N, C-alpha and C. Protein backbone atom coordinates (compact mmCIF):
# COMPACT_ATOMS: atom_id res chain seq x y z
N MET A 1 -49.29 -75.34 24.66
CA MET A 1 -48.19 -74.38 24.69
C MET A 1 -48.36 -73.41 23.53
N ASN A 2 -48.14 -72.16 23.80
CA ASN A 2 -48.26 -71.12 22.78
C ASN A 2 -47.01 -71.12 21.94
N LYS A 3 -47.15 -71.21 20.65
CA LYS A 3 -45.97 -71.33 19.80
C LYS A 3 -46.21 -70.61 18.49
N GLY A 4 -45.16 -69.99 17.94
CA GLY A 4 -45.25 -69.36 16.64
C GLY A 4 -44.13 -69.87 15.74
N LEU A 5 -44.37 -69.90 14.45
CA LEU A 5 -43.36 -70.36 13.50
C LEU A 5 -43.30 -69.39 12.36
N LEU A 6 -42.11 -69.02 11.98
CA LEU A 6 -41.88 -68.18 10.82
C LEU A 6 -40.94 -68.94 9.90
N VAL A 7 -41.20 -68.92 8.62
CA VAL A 7 -40.36 -69.64 7.66
C VAL A 7 -39.91 -68.67 6.60
N PHE A 8 -38.60 -68.66 6.31
CA PHE A 8 -38.04 -67.83 5.27
C PHE A 8 -37.42 -68.72 4.21
N VAL A 9 -37.47 -68.31 2.98
CA VAL A 9 -36.73 -68.96 1.90
C VAL A 9 -35.96 -67.87 1.19
N PHE A 10 -34.63 -68.00 1.14
CA PHE A 10 -33.79 -66.99 0.50
C PHE A 10 -33.33 -67.52 -0.84
N LEU A 11 -33.44 -66.71 -1.88
CA LEU A 11 -32.99 -67.09 -3.20
C LEU A 11 -31.93 -66.10 -3.67
N ILE A 12 -30.80 -66.62 -4.11
CA ILE A 12 -29.73 -65.77 -4.60
C ILE A 12 -29.42 -66.17 -6.03
N PHE A 13 -29.39 -65.19 -6.94
CA PHE A 13 -29.02 -65.46 -8.32
C PHE A 13 -27.57 -65.05 -8.50
N SER A 14 -26.79 -65.86 -9.20
CA SER A 14 -25.42 -65.47 -9.51
C SER A 14 -25.16 -65.71 -10.98
N GLY A 15 -24.09 -65.11 -11.49
CA GLY A 15 -23.76 -65.25 -12.90
C GLY A 15 -23.50 -63.90 -13.50
N MET A 16 -23.40 -63.83 -14.82
CA MET A 16 -23.10 -62.57 -15.50
C MET A 16 -24.24 -61.56 -15.32
N GLU A 17 -25.46 -62.00 -15.54
CA GLU A 17 -26.61 -61.14 -15.33
C GLU A 17 -27.11 -61.42 -13.92
N VAL A 18 -26.90 -60.49 -13.02
CA VAL A 18 -27.26 -60.72 -11.63
C VAL A 18 -28.60 -60.06 -11.34
N SER A 19 -29.51 -60.85 -10.84
CA SER A 19 -30.79 -60.31 -10.38
C SER A 19 -31.12 -60.99 -9.07
N TRP A 20 -32.15 -60.53 -8.42
CA TRP A 20 -32.46 -61.05 -7.10
C TRP A 20 -33.95 -61.31 -7.00
N ALA A 21 -34.30 -62.38 -6.33
CA ALA A 21 -35.70 -62.69 -6.06
C ALA A 21 -35.77 -63.45 -4.76
N GLN A 22 -36.91 -63.45 -4.15
CA GLN A 22 -37.08 -64.24 -2.94
C GLN A 22 -38.51 -64.71 -2.84
N ARG A 23 -38.65 -65.91 -2.32
CA ARG A 23 -39.96 -66.46 -1.99
C ARG A 23 -39.95 -66.70 -0.49
N ILE A 24 -40.86 -66.11 0.22
CA ILE A 24 -40.91 -66.30 1.67
C ILE A 24 -42.28 -66.85 2.02
N SER A 25 -42.27 -67.96 2.68
CA SER A 25 -43.50 -68.56 3.17
C SER A 25 -43.62 -68.16 4.63
N PHE A 26 -44.60 -67.38 4.96
CA PHE A 26 -44.75 -66.82 6.31
C PHE A 26 -46.03 -67.34 6.92
N SER A 27 -45.89 -68.06 8.04
CA SER A 27 -47.08 -68.53 8.74
C SER A 27 -46.81 -68.57 10.23
N THR A 28 -47.84 -68.29 11.01
CA THR A 28 -47.72 -68.35 12.46
C THR A 28 -48.90 -69.13 13.01
N TRP A 29 -48.67 -69.77 14.11
CA TRP A 29 -49.79 -70.36 14.84
C TRP A 29 -49.49 -70.31 16.32
N THR A 30 -50.54 -70.12 17.09
CA THR A 30 -50.41 -70.07 18.54
C THR A 30 -51.65 -70.70 19.16
N GLY A 31 -51.49 -71.16 20.37
CA GLY A 31 -52.63 -71.69 21.11
C GLY A 31 -53.49 -70.57 21.65
N SER A 32 -52.93 -69.38 21.71
CA SER A 32 -53.67 -68.19 22.15
C SER A 32 -52.99 -66.98 21.53
N ASP A 33 -53.43 -65.82 21.91
CA ASP A 33 -52.84 -64.58 21.39
C ASP A 33 -51.77 -64.02 22.31
N ASP A 34 -51.21 -64.85 23.20
CA ASP A 34 -50.27 -64.34 24.19
C ASP A 34 -48.92 -63.94 23.62
N ILE A 35 -48.48 -64.58 22.54
CA ILE A 35 -47.23 -64.18 21.87
C ILE A 35 -47.60 -63.67 20.49
N ILE A 36 -47.17 -62.45 20.21
CA ILE A 36 -47.45 -61.83 18.91
C ILE A 36 -46.12 -61.52 18.23
N LEU A 37 -45.95 -62.03 17.02
CA LEU A 37 -44.73 -61.81 16.23
C LEU A 37 -45.06 -60.93 15.05
N THR A 38 -44.37 -59.82 14.93
CA THR A 38 -44.55 -58.94 13.78
C THR A 38 -43.18 -58.43 13.35
N SER A 39 -43.11 -57.96 12.12
CA SER A 39 -41.87 -57.34 11.66
C SER A 39 -42.15 -55.90 11.26
N PRO A 40 -41.34 -54.96 11.73
CA PRO A 40 -41.50 -53.57 11.29
C PRO A 40 -41.16 -53.40 9.82
N GLN A 41 -40.60 -54.46 9.20
CA GLN A 41 -40.23 -54.41 7.78
C GLN A 41 -41.36 -54.91 6.89
N GLY A 42 -42.51 -55.20 7.46
CA GLY A 42 -43.65 -55.65 6.68
C GLY A 42 -43.91 -57.13 6.86
N ALA A 43 -44.89 -57.63 6.13
CA ALA A 43 -45.34 -59.01 6.30
C ALA A 43 -44.33 -60.03 5.78
N MET A 44 -43.47 -59.65 4.84
CA MET A 44 -42.55 -60.62 4.23
C MET A 44 -41.12 -60.09 4.16
N PRO A 45 -40.46 -59.90 5.31
CA PRO A 45 -39.07 -59.43 5.25
C PRO A 45 -38.14 -60.53 4.77
N GLY A 46 -36.98 -60.16 4.27
CA GLY A 46 -36.02 -61.16 3.82
C GLY A 46 -34.61 -60.61 3.78
N LEU A 47 -33.64 -61.49 3.98
CA LEU A 47 -32.23 -61.10 3.85
C LEU A 47 -31.93 -60.95 2.37
N ASN A 48 -31.58 -59.76 1.95
CA ASN A 48 -31.31 -59.49 0.54
C ASN A 48 -29.84 -59.14 0.38
N PHE A 49 -29.03 -60.12 0.03
CA PHE A 49 -27.59 -59.89 -0.12
C PHE A 49 -27.27 -58.97 -1.28
N ASN A 50 -28.15 -58.90 -2.28
CA ASN A 50 -27.90 -58.01 -3.42
C ASN A 50 -28.12 -56.54 -3.07
N GLN A 51 -28.79 -56.26 -1.95
CA GLN A 51 -28.85 -54.88 -1.49
C GLN A 51 -27.54 -54.48 -0.83
N LYS A 52 -26.82 -55.47 -0.34
CA LYS A 52 -25.50 -55.21 0.26
C LYS A 52 -24.42 -55.14 -0.81
N GLN A 53 -24.51 -56.05 -1.79
CA GLN A 53 -23.55 -56.09 -2.91
C GLN A 53 -24.34 -56.44 -4.16
N ALA A 54 -24.42 -55.48 -5.08
CA ALA A 54 -25.29 -55.64 -6.25
C ALA A 54 -24.94 -56.85 -7.11
N ALA A 55 -23.66 -57.09 -7.37
CA ALA A 55 -23.26 -58.20 -8.24
C ALA A 55 -22.63 -59.30 -7.39
N ILE A 56 -23.30 -60.44 -7.34
CA ILE A 56 -22.77 -61.60 -6.64
C ILE A 56 -22.47 -62.65 -7.69
N THR A 57 -21.20 -63.00 -7.83
CA THR A 57 -20.79 -63.93 -8.89
C THR A 57 -19.99 -65.09 -8.31
N ALA A 58 -19.77 -66.11 -9.12
CA ALA A 58 -18.96 -67.25 -8.72
C ALA A 58 -17.53 -66.80 -8.43
N SER A 59 -16.84 -67.55 -7.58
CA SER A 59 -15.44 -67.28 -7.21
C SER A 59 -15.25 -65.87 -6.68
N SER A 60 -16.10 -65.48 -5.72
CA SER A 60 -16.00 -64.14 -5.14
C SER A 60 -15.99 -64.21 -3.62
N GLU A 61 -15.64 -63.09 -3.02
CA GLU A 61 -15.55 -62.99 -1.56
C GLU A 61 -16.92 -63.13 -0.93
N ALA A 62 -16.91 -63.38 0.38
CA ALA A 62 -18.16 -63.49 1.13
C ALA A 62 -18.87 -62.13 1.17
N VAL A 63 -20.17 -62.18 1.22
CA VAL A 63 -21.00 -60.99 1.38
C VAL A 63 -21.56 -61.05 2.80
N VAL A 64 -21.32 -60.00 3.57
CA VAL A 64 -21.70 -60.00 4.98
C VAL A 64 -22.78 -58.96 5.24
N ILE A 65 -23.87 -59.39 5.85
CA ILE A 65 -24.89 -58.48 6.38
C ILE A 65 -24.69 -58.49 7.89
N GLY A 66 -24.28 -57.34 8.44
CA GLY A 66 -24.04 -57.23 9.88
C GLY A 66 -25.27 -56.72 10.60
N ILE A 67 -25.24 -56.79 11.92
CA ILE A 67 -26.40 -56.40 12.71
C ILE A 67 -26.80 -54.94 12.52
N THR A 68 -25.84 -54.07 12.26
CA THR A 68 -26.17 -52.65 12.09
C THR A 68 -26.60 -52.29 10.67
N ASP A 69 -26.50 -53.25 9.75
CA ASP A 69 -26.88 -52.98 8.35
C ASP A 69 -28.40 -52.91 8.21
N GLY A 70 -28.83 -52.16 7.23
CA GLY A 70 -30.26 -52.01 6.96
C GLY A 70 -30.93 -53.27 6.46
N GLN A 71 -30.14 -54.25 6.00
CA GLN A 71 -30.70 -55.49 5.47
C GLN A 71 -31.00 -56.52 6.57
N THR A 72 -30.62 -56.25 7.81
CA THR A 72 -30.90 -57.17 8.91
C THR A 72 -32.40 -57.36 9.05
N VAL A 73 -32.82 -58.61 9.20
CA VAL A 73 -34.24 -58.91 9.41
C VAL A 73 -34.55 -58.74 10.89
N ILE A 74 -35.65 -58.04 11.18
CA ILE A 74 -36.02 -57.72 12.55
C ILE A 74 -37.43 -58.25 12.83
N TYR A 75 -37.58 -58.88 13.99
CA TYR A 75 -38.90 -59.29 14.46
C TYR A 75 -39.14 -58.74 15.85
N GLU A 76 -40.34 -58.24 16.05
CA GLU A 76 -40.79 -57.77 17.35
C GLU A 76 -41.60 -58.90 17.99
N ILE A 77 -41.26 -59.24 19.22
CA ILE A 77 -41.98 -60.26 19.97
C ILE A 77 -42.70 -59.56 21.11
N GLU A 78 -44.01 -59.62 21.11
CA GLU A 78 -44.79 -59.02 22.18
C GLU A 78 -45.40 -60.15 23.00
N ALA A 79 -45.16 -60.12 24.31
CA ALA A 79 -45.65 -61.17 25.20
C ALA A 79 -45.89 -60.58 26.58
N PRO A 80 -46.66 -61.27 27.42
CA PRO A 80 -46.91 -60.77 28.78
C PRO A 80 -45.62 -60.62 29.57
N GLU A 81 -45.55 -59.54 30.36
CA GLU A 81 -44.40 -59.30 31.22
C GLU A 81 -44.23 -60.44 32.21
N GLY A 82 -42.98 -60.69 32.61
CA GLY A 82 -42.69 -61.66 33.64
C GLY A 82 -42.52 -63.08 33.14
N PHE A 83 -42.69 -63.31 31.85
CA PHE A 83 -42.53 -64.65 31.30
C PHE A 83 -41.21 -64.77 30.55
N ASP A 84 -40.66 -65.97 30.54
CA ASP A 84 -39.47 -66.25 29.77
C ASP A 84 -39.86 -66.87 28.44
N LEU A 85 -39.14 -66.49 27.39
CA LEU A 85 -39.39 -66.99 26.05
C LEU A 85 -38.28 -67.93 25.61
N VAL A 86 -38.63 -68.91 24.80
CA VAL A 86 -37.65 -69.77 24.15
C VAL A 86 -37.71 -69.46 22.66
N VAL A 87 -36.57 -69.09 22.10
CA VAL A 87 -36.47 -68.86 20.66
C VAL A 87 -35.53 -69.92 20.10
N GLU A 88 -36.05 -70.72 19.17
CA GLU A 88 -35.27 -71.77 18.52
C GLU A 88 -35.18 -71.46 17.03
N VAL A 89 -33.96 -71.47 16.51
CA VAL A 89 -33.75 -71.16 15.10
C VAL A 89 -33.09 -72.36 14.43
N ASP A 90 -33.67 -72.81 13.34
CA ASP A 90 -33.11 -73.91 12.56
C ASP A 90 -32.74 -73.34 11.19
N ALA A 91 -31.44 -73.29 10.90
CA ALA A 91 -30.97 -72.71 9.64
C ALA A 91 -29.93 -73.62 9.01
N PRO A 92 -29.87 -73.66 7.69
CA PRO A 92 -28.86 -74.47 7.02
C PRO A 92 -27.50 -73.79 7.08
N ASN A 93 -26.42 -74.56 6.85
CA ASN A 93 -25.10 -73.94 6.77
C ASN A 93 -24.66 -73.74 5.32
N VAL A 94 -25.54 -74.12 4.39
CA VAL A 94 -25.30 -73.83 2.97
C VAL A 94 -26.63 -73.50 2.31
N LEU A 95 -26.57 -72.75 1.21
CA LEU A 95 -27.71 -72.58 0.32
C LEU A 95 -27.44 -73.46 -0.88
N ALA A 96 -28.43 -74.22 -1.31
CA ALA A 96 -28.25 -75.18 -2.39
C ALA A 96 -28.91 -74.68 -3.67
N LEU A 97 -28.29 -75.02 -4.80
CA LEU A 97 -28.83 -74.68 -6.11
C LEU A 97 -30.15 -75.41 -6.31
N GLU A 98 -31.15 -74.66 -6.72
CA GLU A 98 -32.46 -75.25 -6.95
C GLU A 98 -32.34 -76.37 -7.99
N GLY A 99 -32.77 -77.58 -7.60
CA GLY A 99 -32.71 -78.71 -8.51
C GLY A 99 -31.38 -79.44 -8.53
N ASN A 100 -30.38 -78.96 -7.78
CA ASN A 100 -29.08 -79.62 -7.75
C ASN A 100 -28.43 -79.36 -6.39
N ALA A 101 -28.76 -80.19 -5.42
CA ALA A 101 -28.30 -79.98 -4.04
C ALA A 101 -26.79 -80.16 -3.88
N GLU A 102 -26.10 -80.65 -4.92
CA GLU A 102 -24.64 -80.80 -4.85
C GLU A 102 -23.93 -79.46 -4.99
N GLU A 103 -24.56 -78.50 -5.64
CA GLU A 103 -23.99 -77.16 -5.81
C GLU A 103 -24.44 -76.30 -4.63
N THR A 104 -23.49 -75.85 -3.82
CA THR A 104 -23.86 -75.10 -2.63
C THR A 104 -22.97 -73.86 -2.43
N VAL A 105 -23.49 -72.94 -1.66
CA VAL A 105 -22.76 -71.74 -1.24
C VAL A 105 -22.85 -71.69 0.28
N PRO A 106 -21.72 -71.49 0.99
CA PRO A 106 -21.77 -71.42 2.45
C PRO A 106 -22.68 -70.31 2.94
N PHE A 107 -23.42 -70.60 4.00
CA PHE A 107 -24.36 -69.64 4.58
C PHE A 107 -24.25 -69.75 6.09
N GLN A 108 -24.06 -68.61 6.75
CA GLN A 108 -23.88 -68.61 8.20
C GLN A 108 -24.79 -67.56 8.82
N LEU A 109 -25.83 -68.02 9.49
CA LEU A 109 -26.79 -67.11 10.12
C LEU A 109 -26.30 -66.68 11.48
N ARG A 110 -26.51 -65.43 11.81
CA ARG A 110 -26.22 -64.89 13.14
C ARG A 110 -27.53 -64.41 13.75
N ILE A 111 -27.59 -64.44 15.08
CA ILE A 111 -28.81 -64.10 15.81
C ILE A 111 -28.46 -63.18 16.96
N ALA A 112 -29.31 -62.19 17.19
CA ALA A 112 -29.18 -61.32 18.36
C ALA A 112 -30.58 -60.98 18.86
N TYR A 113 -30.66 -60.55 20.11
CA TYR A 113 -31.96 -60.14 20.65
C TYR A 113 -31.77 -58.95 21.58
N ASN A 114 -32.85 -58.23 21.81
CA ASN A 114 -32.84 -57.13 22.76
C ASN A 114 -34.11 -57.23 23.59
N ASN A 115 -33.96 -57.41 24.89
CA ASN A 115 -35.09 -57.45 25.81
C ASN A 115 -34.93 -56.39 26.90
N GLN A 116 -34.30 -55.27 26.53
CA GLN A 116 -33.96 -54.22 27.48
C GLN A 116 -34.85 -52.99 27.35
N SER A 117 -36.10 -53.21 26.93
CA SER A 117 -37.08 -52.12 26.78
C SER A 117 -36.58 -51.03 25.85
N ALA A 118 -36.04 -51.44 24.70
CA ALA A 118 -35.54 -50.47 23.71
C ALA A 118 -36.71 -49.60 23.23
N ALA A 119 -36.41 -48.35 22.92
CA ALA A 119 -37.44 -47.42 22.47
C ALA A 119 -38.09 -47.89 21.18
N ASP A 120 -37.29 -48.51 20.30
CA ASP A 120 -37.81 -49.04 19.04
C ASP A 120 -36.82 -50.08 18.50
N HIS A 121 -37.18 -50.70 17.39
CA HIS A 121 -36.36 -51.78 16.84
C HIS A 121 -35.00 -51.31 16.34
N LEU A 122 -34.90 -50.07 15.87
CA LEU A 122 -33.62 -49.57 15.37
C LEU A 122 -32.67 -49.23 16.51
N SER A 123 -33.17 -48.53 17.53
CA SER A 123 -32.29 -48.21 18.65
C SER A 123 -31.91 -49.47 19.42
N GLY A 124 -32.72 -50.51 19.34
CA GLY A 124 -32.42 -51.77 20.01
C GLY A 124 -31.21 -52.48 19.45
N LYS A 125 -30.85 -52.19 18.20
CA LYS A 125 -29.67 -52.83 17.61
C LYS A 125 -28.40 -52.53 18.40
N GLY A 126 -28.28 -51.29 18.88
CA GLY A 126 -27.05 -50.86 19.56
C GLY A 126 -26.76 -51.61 20.84
N SER A 127 -27.80 -52.08 21.54
CA SER A 127 -27.58 -52.79 22.80
C SER A 127 -28.04 -54.25 22.71
N ALA A 128 -28.19 -54.76 21.49
CA ALA A 128 -28.62 -56.14 21.31
C ALA A 128 -27.55 -57.11 21.79
N ILE A 129 -27.98 -58.26 22.26
CA ILE A 129 -27.08 -59.30 22.73
C ILE A 129 -26.94 -60.32 21.61
N GLU A 130 -25.70 -60.45 21.11
CA GLU A 130 -25.45 -61.38 20.00
C GLU A 130 -25.15 -62.77 20.56
N LEU A 131 -25.78 -63.78 19.96
CA LEU A 131 -25.49 -65.15 20.35
C LEU A 131 -24.15 -65.56 19.77
N PRO A 132 -23.39 -66.36 20.50
CA PRO A 132 -22.13 -66.87 19.93
C PRO A 132 -22.43 -67.69 18.68
N LEU A 133 -21.50 -67.67 17.76
CA LEU A 133 -21.66 -68.40 16.52
C LEU A 133 -21.92 -69.87 16.81
N GLY A 134 -22.93 -70.43 16.16
CA GLY A 134 -23.27 -71.84 16.37
C GLY A 134 -24.40 -72.06 17.35
N PHE A 135 -24.73 -71.06 18.17
CA PHE A 135 -25.85 -71.19 19.10
C PHE A 135 -27.14 -70.91 18.34
N ASN A 136 -28.14 -71.75 18.53
CA ASN A 136 -29.40 -71.55 17.81
C ASN A 136 -30.63 -71.57 18.71
N THR A 137 -30.43 -71.70 20.02
CA THR A 137 -31.55 -71.66 20.96
C THR A 137 -31.18 -70.74 22.11
N ILE A 138 -32.12 -69.91 22.51
CA ILE A 138 -31.89 -68.98 23.61
C ILE A 138 -33.16 -68.87 24.43
N VAL A 139 -32.99 -68.76 25.75
CA VAL A 139 -34.11 -68.52 26.67
C VAL A 139 -33.85 -67.17 27.32
N PHE A 140 -34.82 -66.28 27.27
CA PHE A 140 -34.65 -64.98 27.90
C PHE A 140 -36.01 -64.43 28.34
N PRO A 141 -36.01 -63.60 29.40
CA PRO A 141 -37.27 -62.97 29.81
C PRO A 141 -37.67 -61.93 28.77
N VAL A 142 -38.98 -61.82 28.54
CA VAL A 142 -39.43 -60.86 27.52
C VAL A 142 -38.99 -59.44 27.88
N ASN A 143 -38.90 -59.14 29.16
CA ASN A 143 -38.29 -57.88 29.59
C ASN A 143 -37.25 -58.19 30.66
N ARG A 144 -36.06 -57.71 30.43
CA ARG A 144 -34.90 -58.05 31.27
C ARG A 144 -35.07 -57.54 32.69
N ARG A 145 -34.71 -58.40 33.64
CA ARG A 145 -34.66 -57.98 35.04
C ARG A 145 -33.32 -57.29 35.26
N MET A 146 -33.35 -56.09 35.80
CA MET A 146 -32.13 -55.30 35.92
C MET A 146 -31.14 -55.88 36.93
N SER A 147 -31.61 -56.29 38.09
CA SER A 147 -30.71 -56.86 39.08
C SER A 147 -31.52 -57.50 40.18
N GLY A 148 -30.84 -58.21 41.04
CA GLY A 148 -31.50 -58.81 42.19
C GLY A 148 -32.22 -60.09 41.84
N ALA A 149 -32.94 -60.58 42.82
CA ALA A 149 -33.68 -61.83 42.66
C ALA A 149 -34.85 -61.63 41.70
N PRO A 150 -35.27 -62.70 41.06
CA PRO A 150 -36.45 -62.60 40.19
C PRO A 150 -37.66 -62.10 40.98
N GLY A 151 -38.54 -61.42 40.30
CA GLY A 151 -39.75 -60.92 40.93
C GLY A 151 -40.72 -62.05 41.21
N PRO A 152 -41.86 -61.70 41.79
CA PRO A 152 -42.87 -62.73 42.06
C PRO A 152 -43.42 -63.29 40.76
N PRO A 153 -44.07 -64.45 40.83
CA PRO A 153 -44.66 -65.02 39.60
C PRO A 153 -45.69 -64.06 39.01
N PRO A 154 -45.90 -64.13 37.70
CA PRO A 154 -46.89 -63.26 37.07
C PRO A 154 -48.28 -63.48 37.67
N THR A 155 -49.03 -62.40 37.76
CA THR A 155 -50.40 -62.47 38.26
C THR A 155 -51.27 -63.22 37.26
N PRO A 156 -51.99 -64.23 37.72
CA PRO A 156 -52.87 -64.94 36.78
C PRO A 156 -53.98 -64.00 36.27
N GLU A 157 -54.42 -64.26 35.05
CA GLU A 157 -55.54 -63.49 34.53
C GLU A 157 -56.79 -63.89 35.29
N HIS A 158 -57.58 -62.89 35.67
CA HIS A 158 -58.83 -63.14 36.38
C HIS A 158 -59.75 -61.96 36.18
N GLY A 159 -61.04 -62.21 36.21
CA GLY A 159 -62.01 -61.13 36.06
C GLY A 159 -61.69 -60.27 34.86
N GLY A 160 -61.55 -58.98 35.09
CA GLY A 160 -61.22 -58.05 34.02
C GLY A 160 -59.74 -57.75 33.90
N TYR A 161 -58.90 -58.47 34.69
CA TYR A 161 -57.47 -58.21 34.68
C TYR A 161 -56.80 -58.80 33.43
N THR A 162 -56.01 -57.99 32.78
CA THR A 162 -55.21 -58.44 31.65
C THR A 162 -53.75 -58.16 31.97
N ARG A 163 -52.91 -59.15 31.78
CA ARG A 163 -51.49 -58.97 32.07
C ARG A 163 -50.88 -57.89 31.18
N PRO A 164 -50.04 -57.00 31.75
CA PRO A 164 -49.34 -56.03 30.89
C PRO A 164 -48.36 -56.76 29.97
N LYS A 165 -48.14 -56.20 28.80
CA LYS A 165 -47.25 -56.83 27.82
C LYS A 165 -45.96 -56.02 27.68
N ALA A 166 -44.94 -56.71 27.22
CA ALA A 166 -43.64 -56.09 26.95
C ALA A 166 -43.16 -56.56 25.59
N LYS A 167 -42.15 -55.87 25.06
CA LYS A 167 -41.63 -56.20 23.73
C LYS A 167 -40.15 -56.56 23.82
N ALA A 168 -39.78 -57.54 23.01
CA ALA A 168 -38.38 -57.87 22.79
C ALA A 168 -38.18 -57.88 21.27
N TYR A 169 -36.93 -57.74 20.84
CA TYR A 169 -36.63 -57.72 19.41
C TYR A 169 -35.65 -58.83 19.07
N LEU A 170 -35.88 -59.46 17.92
CA LEU A 170 -35.01 -60.51 17.41
C LEU A 170 -34.38 -60.01 16.12
N TYR A 171 -33.06 -60.16 15.98
CA TYR A 171 -32.33 -59.68 14.81
C TYR A 171 -31.66 -60.87 14.12
N LEU A 172 -31.83 -60.97 12.80
CA LEU A 172 -31.26 -62.05 12.01
C LEU A 172 -30.41 -61.44 10.91
N TYR A 173 -29.15 -61.86 10.83
CA TYR A 173 -28.22 -61.35 9.83
C TYR A 173 -27.28 -62.48 9.47
N ALA A 174 -26.49 -62.34 8.41
CA ALA A 174 -25.79 -63.53 7.93
C ALA A 174 -24.59 -63.20 7.05
N THR A 175 -23.82 -64.26 6.78
CA THR A 175 -22.73 -64.23 5.81
C THR A 175 -23.02 -65.24 4.72
N LEU A 176 -22.89 -64.80 3.48
CA LEU A 176 -23.04 -65.67 2.32
C LEU A 176 -21.67 -65.82 1.68
N GLY A 177 -21.16 -67.06 1.59
CA GLY A 177 -19.86 -67.28 0.97
C GLY A 177 -18.77 -67.54 1.98
N PRO A 178 -17.48 -67.53 1.54
CA PRO A 178 -17.04 -67.16 0.20
C PRO A 178 -17.64 -68.08 -0.87
N ILE A 179 -17.85 -67.52 -2.04
CA ILE A 179 -18.54 -68.20 -3.11
C ILE A 179 -17.51 -68.85 -4.03
N GLY A 180 -17.64 -70.16 -4.18
CA GLY A 180 -16.70 -70.91 -5.00
C GLY A 180 -17.07 -70.88 -6.47
N ALA A 181 -16.49 -71.80 -7.22
CA ALA A 181 -16.75 -71.89 -8.67
C ALA A 181 -18.05 -72.68 -8.88
N VAL A 182 -19.16 -72.07 -8.51
CA VAL A 182 -20.46 -72.74 -8.58
C VAL A 182 -21.20 -72.33 -9.85
N LEU A 183 -22.17 -73.14 -10.20
CA LEU A 183 -23.00 -72.84 -11.36
C LEU A 183 -23.92 -71.66 -11.05
N PRO A 184 -24.23 -70.84 -12.05
CA PRO A 184 -25.20 -69.76 -11.82
C PRO A 184 -26.59 -70.35 -11.64
N GLY A 185 -27.43 -69.64 -10.93
CA GLY A 185 -28.80 -70.09 -10.72
C GLY A 185 -29.36 -69.63 -9.40
N VAL A 186 -30.42 -70.26 -9.00
CA VAL A 186 -31.14 -69.90 -7.78
C VAL A 186 -30.62 -70.78 -6.64
N TYR A 187 -30.10 -70.14 -5.61
CA TYR A 187 -29.62 -70.86 -4.43
C TYR A 187 -30.58 -70.56 -3.28
N GLU A 188 -31.03 -71.61 -2.59
CA GLU A 188 -32.07 -71.41 -1.59
C GLU A 188 -31.83 -72.19 -0.32
N GLY A 189 -32.51 -71.77 0.73
CA GLY A 189 -32.46 -72.45 2.03
C GLY A 189 -33.63 -72.01 2.88
N ASN A 190 -33.97 -72.83 3.85
CA ASN A 190 -35.10 -72.53 4.75
C ASN A 190 -34.59 -72.22 6.15
N ILE A 191 -35.19 -71.23 6.77
CA ILE A 191 -34.89 -70.90 8.16
C ILE A 191 -36.20 -70.97 8.94
N ASN A 192 -36.22 -71.78 9.98
CA ASN A 192 -37.41 -71.91 10.82
C ASN A 192 -37.15 -71.26 12.17
N ILE A 193 -38.07 -70.43 12.62
CA ILE A 193 -37.95 -69.76 13.91
C ILE A 193 -39.18 -70.10 14.74
N ASN A 194 -38.97 -70.74 15.89
CA ASN A 194 -40.04 -71.07 16.80
C ASN A 194 -39.90 -70.23 18.07
N VAL A 195 -40.99 -69.61 18.48
CA VAL A 195 -40.99 -68.83 19.72
C VAL A 195 -42.10 -69.38 20.62
N SER A 196 -41.76 -69.68 21.86
CA SER A 196 -42.74 -70.22 22.79
C SER A 196 -42.40 -69.76 24.21
N PHE A 197 -43.31 -70.02 25.15
CA PHE A 197 -43.02 -69.76 26.56
C PHE A 197 -42.15 -70.87 27.10
N SER A 198 -41.22 -70.52 27.98
CA SER A 198 -40.37 -71.53 28.60
C SER A 198 -41.16 -72.27 29.68
N SER A 199 -41.04 -73.58 29.67
CA SER A 199 -41.68 -74.39 30.72
C SER A 199 -40.64 -74.92 31.71
N TYR A 200 -39.35 -74.76 31.38
CA TYR A 200 -38.23 -75.23 32.20
C TYR A 200 -38.33 -76.72 32.51
N ASP A 201 -38.81 -77.49 31.53
CA ASP A 201 -38.87 -78.95 31.69
C ASP A 201 -37.49 -79.55 31.53
């Protein structure tokens, strides 16, 4: 089965002197080149809450990155037309202080996708389909069928034939907080994203 994995680590600094850093471990693997994952934001995109609110301190309101904000993480998924994709996201509901897992800040990831042949990743935000809060797995065709019965099965590759490809976009955005009376320091969490072809098992 063709599968890709992306891993993010978000680090948030809080306290009187507020600064921001992030370590992102990015790796992909597939059984073939049929699914290609890239980000228009570069090789190491990350949710940066300090770009949304410069000073993040203890006992403060939640910081929200919405789907239309520039800080939203975007991934382009390129795969052969006519196939359904499974996207599974594993995210924590808190970010924990490095070295002290008892100190936490609430973290709530949101997910949306666009498989409607958007002209580009930015215009795709306007018609993206947002998953209900708490949903972390979605199955969708790489390119949406407009209406009617599903088309015929994809043509198998043979001879010099190569299946045409289509693009879908994945959008990741989140809420950090509200932030309680926590210790200053580095708060981190891991988000795993798996993309594969649906087998309908």
